[in-house]
Amino acid sequence: MGHRLHVVKKYEIEYSSSLGFNYKVVEFHNLLTSLGISYAGESWDDDVEVYRDDFKLGLEKLKSYDKLDAGERKEIKEALDGLDEPVEEIISTMERLLTESDHKNEYMLLSFF
């Protein structure tokens, strides 16, 4: 018996259709941060891994934007302004990301390409 290093032999990924935020990698990362959604990596990384429950909480925060305190609203508004899309469209895109992601996994892998 041991405790040796192993490698995954087969890792299958299937992407959904294109969902949005075209050429807005850093801006999308800024939105995640403003919504309290932590992610693995740097703000310019094309691949983003987020914890599903954090993503849900952040999405709910965005949906209840008007009920947030002024400081939170200001930070989120700055992130939204960088995306240059109506907030309703951003919410819709984030809901689709959540819906189309692999629900068997507690993490969501998002990729820009």
Protein backbone atom coordinates (compact mmCIF):
# COMPACT_ATOMS: atom_id res chain seq x y z
CA MET A 1 0.00 0.00 0.00
CA GLY A 2 1.28 3.46 -0.78
CA HIS A 3 0.40 7.05 -1.33
CA ARG A 4 1.79 7.64 -4.81
CA LEU A 5 1.10 10.34 -7.34
CA HIS A 6 -1.31 9.48 -10.16
CA VAL A 7 -2.51 11.29 -13.26
CA VAL A 8 -5.99 11.37 -14.73
CA LYS A 9 -5.96 9.21 -17.82
CA LYS A 10 -9.09 10.62 -19.40
CA TYR A 11 -10.64 13.98 -18.71
CA GLU A 12 -13.54 14.86 -20.94
CA ILE A 13 -14.80 18.42 -21.35
CA GLU A 14 -17.78 19.46 -23.41
CA TYR A 15 -18.38 23.18 -23.83
CA SER A 16 -21.76 24.82 -24.19
CA SER A 17 -22.39 27.38 -26.89
CA SER A 18 -20.82 30.81 -26.68
CA LEU A 19 -22.48 32.77 -23.91
CA GLY A 20 -21.12 36.30 -23.97
CA PHE A 21 -18.62 38.77 -22.52
CA ASN A 22 -16.70 38.93 -25.81
CA TYR A 23 -13.13 40.16 -25.20
CA LYS A 24 -14.09 41.12 -21.63
CA VAL A 25 -11.85 38.72 -19.69
CA VAL A 26 -10.53 41.17 -17.09
CA GLU A 27 -13.91 42.91 -16.84
CA PHE A 28 -15.63 39.57 -16.16
CA HIS A 29 -13.08 38.79 -13.44
CA ASN A 30 -13.78 42.23 -11.96
CA LEU A 31 -17.50 41.43 -11.87
CA LEU A 32 -16.83 38.12 -10.11
CA THR A 33 -14.70 39.90 -7.51
CA SER A 34 -17.27 42.65 -6.96
CA LEU A 35 -19.95 40.01 -6.38
CA GLY A 36 -17.79 38.12 -3.87
CA ILE A 37 -17.23 35.18 -6.21
CA SER A 38 -13.70 33.93 -5.67
CA TYR A 39 -11.90 32.21 -8.52
CA ALA A 40 -8.68 30.34 -9.13
CA GLY A 41 -6.03 32.14 -11.16
CA GLU A 42 -5.26 35.66 -12.26
CA SER A 43 -7.59 38.37 -13.54
CA TRP A 44 -6.34 37.94 -17.11
CA ASP A 45 -6.63 34.13 -17.25
CA ASP A 46 -8.90 32.79 -19.98
CA ASP A 47 -9.89 29.81 -17.80
CA VAL A 48 -11.81 30.56 -14.63
CA GLU A 49 -12.78 28.01 -12.01
CA VAL A 50 -15.43 29.13 -9.52
CA TYR A 51 -17.19 27.37 -6.69
CA ARG A 52 -20.82 26.81 -7.77
CA ASP A 53 -22.33 27.95 -4.45
CA ASP A 54 -20.29 31.19 -4.53
CA PHE A 55 -21.48 31.80 -8.09
CA LYS A 56 -25.12 31.33 -7.00
CA LEU A 57 -24.67 33.75 -4.09
CA GLY A 58 -23.01 36.32 -6.34
CA LEU A 59 -25.80 36.03 -8.88
CA GLU A 60 -28.40 36.56 -6.15
CA LYS A 61 -26.44 39.60 -4.98
CA LEU A 62 -26.56 41.03 -8.50
CA LYS A 63 -30.30 40.36 -8.73
CA SER A 64 -30.86 42.24 -5.45
CA TYR A 65 -28.51 45.09 -6.39
CA ASP A 66 -30.99 47.80 -5.34
CA LYS A 67 -31.14 46.41 -1.79
CA LEU A 68 -27.38 46.46 -1.22
CA ASP A 69 -25.54 49.14 0.75
CA ALA A 70 -24.00 52.04 -1.15
CA GLY A 71 -20.43 50.70 -0.97
CA GLU A 72 -21.34 47.35 -2.48
CA ARG A 73 -23.47 48.98 -5.17
CA LYS A 74 -20.61 51.31 -6.13
CA GLU A 75 -18.12 48.45 -6.54
CA ILE A 76 -20.58 46.33 -8.54
CA LYS A 77 -21.59 49.31 -10.71
CA GLU A 78 -17.96 49.94 -11.64
CA ALA A 79 -17.60 46.30 -12.68
CA LEU A 80 -20.87 46.42 -14.64
CA ASP A 81 -19.80 49.59 -16.43
CA GLY A 82 -16.68 47.80 -17.67
CA LEU A 83 -18.78 45.09 -19.31
CA ASP A 84 -20.82 47.64 -21.26
CA GLU A 85 -23.95 45.47 -21.36
CA PRO A 86 -27.38 45.95 -19.79
CA VAL A 87 -27.54 44.39 -16.32
CA GLU A 88 -30.52 42.27 -17.39
CA GLU A 89 -28.37 40.70 -20.13
CA ILE A 90 -25.53 40.07 -17.67
CA ILE A 91 -27.94 38.37 -15.25
CA SER A 92 -29.36 36.29 -18.09
CA THR A 93 -25.88 35.22 -19.21
CA MET A 94 -24.87 34.30 -15.66
CA GLU A 95 -28.06 32.27 -15.22
CA ARG A 96 -27.28 30.39 -18.43
CA LEU A 97 -23.72 29.74 -17.23
CA LEU A 98 -25.14 28.24 -14.06
CA THR A 99 -27.81 26.21 -15.88
CA GLU A 100 -25.52 24.85 -18.60
CA SER A 101 -22.64 23.96 -16.28
CA ASP A 102 -21.98 20.42 -15.02
CA HIS A 103 -24.23 20.09 -11.96
CA LYS A 104 -22.38 16.99 -10.78
CA ASN A 105 -19.35 19.13 -10.02
CA GLU A 106 -19.15 21.65 -7.18
CA TYR A 107 -16.94 23.84 -9.36
CA MET A 108 -17.74 25.56 -12.63
CA LEU A 109 -15.04 25.82 -15.27
CA LEU A 110 -15.52 28.88 -17.48
CA SER A 111 -13.32 29.49 -20.51
CA PHE A 112 -12.84 32.35 -22.93
CA PHE A 113 -11.84 31.27 -26.45
